[in-house]
Amino acid sequence: MNTNDYTDEELELLEVMETQPLISIPNLDQEIAQLKSSVVSKHTKRKSVHLKLLESDLQRLQTQAIKEGIPYQILISSILHRYLNGSL
């Protein structure tokens, strides 16, 4: 195995896997469901922010939101989300 291809964290995990005995996790399905729920909760939690926008930009956002039938705050959030994910 060429250890140059692994990060320090990956090498540490490999060492643990090779030296530590495997153990069975009781209630594995329940544990997996709980972990999935934690991940979803972490990535869908919303946080309030305060923005100062040009009044004309806010008016245009509000007009566009009305056309789309959604609150303007949701439109702003959607625009930011799409921009950060590279789809805008």
Protein backbone atom coordinates (compact mmCIF):
# COMPACT_ATOMS: atom_id res chain seq x y z
CA MET A 1 0.00 0.00 0.00
CA ASN A 2 1.34 3.42 -0.94
CA THR A 3 0.65 5.61 2.09
CA ASN A 4 1.42 8.78 0.11
CA ASP A 5 -2.07 8.52 -1.42
CA TYR A 6 -3.81 8.93 1.96
CA THR A 7 -4.40 11.90 4.24
CA ASP A 8 -3.27 11.73 7.86
CA GLU A 9 -6.87 11.18 8.94
CA GLU A 10 -7.29 8.28 6.48
CA LEU A 11 -4.04 6.70 7.69
CA GLU A 12 -5.24 6.97 11.28
CA LEU A 13 -8.54 5.29 10.35
CA LEU A 14 -6.69 2.51 8.53
CA GLU A 15 -4.49 1.88 11.55
CA VAL A 16 -7.49 1.69 13.88
CA MET A 17 -9.31 -0.67 11.50
CA GLU A 18 -6.28 -2.94 11.26
CA THR A 19 -5.42 -3.01 14.98
CA GLN A 20 -8.71 -2.75 16.85
CA PRO A 21 -11.23 -5.59 17.11
CA LEU A 22 -14.53 -5.13 15.33
CA ILE A 23 -17.57 -4.72 17.55
CA SER A 24 -21.23 -5.16 16.82
CA ILE A 25 -23.46 -2.13 17.25
CA PRO A 26 -26.71 -2.96 19.01
CA ASN A 27 -29.80 -1.50 17.33
CA LEU A 28 -27.82 -0.61 14.19
CA ASP A 29 -30.90 0.47 12.21
CA GLN A 30 -31.93 2.83 15.01
CA GLU A 31 -28.38 4.23 15.23
CA ILE A 32 -28.27 4.83 11.46
CA ALA A 33 -31.67 6.55 11.54
CA GLN A 34 -30.54 8.81 14.37
CA LEU A 35 -27.33 9.76 12.55
CA LYS A 36 -29.25 10.50 9.34
CA SER A 37 -31.68 12.66 11.29
CA SER A 38 -28.80 14.60 12.84
CA VAL A 39 -27.26 15.26 9.43
CA VAL A 40 -30.57 16.40 7.94
CA SER A 41 -31.22 18.63 10.95
CA LYS A 42 -27.79 20.20 10.72
CA HIS A 43 -28.10 20.97 7.00
CA THR A 44 -31.68 22.22 7.03
CA LYS A 45 -31.47 24.43 10.12
CA ARG A 46 -32.19 28.03 9.24
CA LYS A 47 -30.52 31.06 10.77
CA SER A 48 -31.82 34.63 10.62
CA VAL A 49 -29.60 37.29 9.10
CA HIS A 50 -29.94 41.03 8.71
CA LEU A 51 -29.20 42.53 5.29
CA LYS A 52 -29.08 46.10 4.13
CA LEU A 53 -30.19 46.29 0.51
CA LEU A 54 -30.72 49.16 -1.85
CA GLU A 55 -34.37 50.10 -1.68
CA SER A 56 -34.67 49.71 -5.45
CA ASP A 57 -33.19 46.17 -5.27
CA LEU A 58 -35.61 45.23 -2.50
CA GLN A 59 -38.57 46.55 -4.52
CA ARG A 60 -37.45 44.54 -7.57
CA LEU A 61 -37.02 41.42 -5.39
CA GLN A 62 -40.49 41.90 -3.93
CA THR A 63 -41.99 42.38 -7.39
CA GLN A 64 -40.28 39.24 -8.68
CA ALA A 65 -41.39 37.27 -5.62
CA ILE A 66 -45.00 38.30 -6.22
CA LYS A 67 -44.72 37.12 -9.84
CA GLU A 68 -43.38 33.77 -8.61
CA GLY A 69 -45.97 33.55 -5.83
CA ILE A 70 -43.48 33.25 -2.98
CA PRO A 71 -42.39 35.51 -0.10
CA TYR A 72 -39.45 37.74 -1.04
CA GLN A 73 -37.35 36.34 1.85
CA ILE A 74 -37.68 32.85 0.31
CA LEU A 75 -36.66 34.27 -3.07
CA ILE A 76 -33.53 35.84 -1.54
CA SER A 77 -32.68 32.59 0.23
CA SER A 78 -33.21 30.63 -2.99
CA ILE A 79 -30.98 32.97 -4.99
CA LEU A 80 -28.18 32.69 -2.43
CA HIS A 81 -28.54 28.91 -2.23
CA ARG A 82 -28.41 28.49 -6.01
CA TYR A 83 -25.42 30.84 -6.27
CA LEU A 84 -23.47 28.96 -3.58
CA ASN A 85 -24.22 25.62 -5.26
CA GLY A 86 -23.02 26.88 -8.62
CA SER A 87 -26.37 26.69 -10.36
CA LEU A 88 -26.82 30.45 -10.72
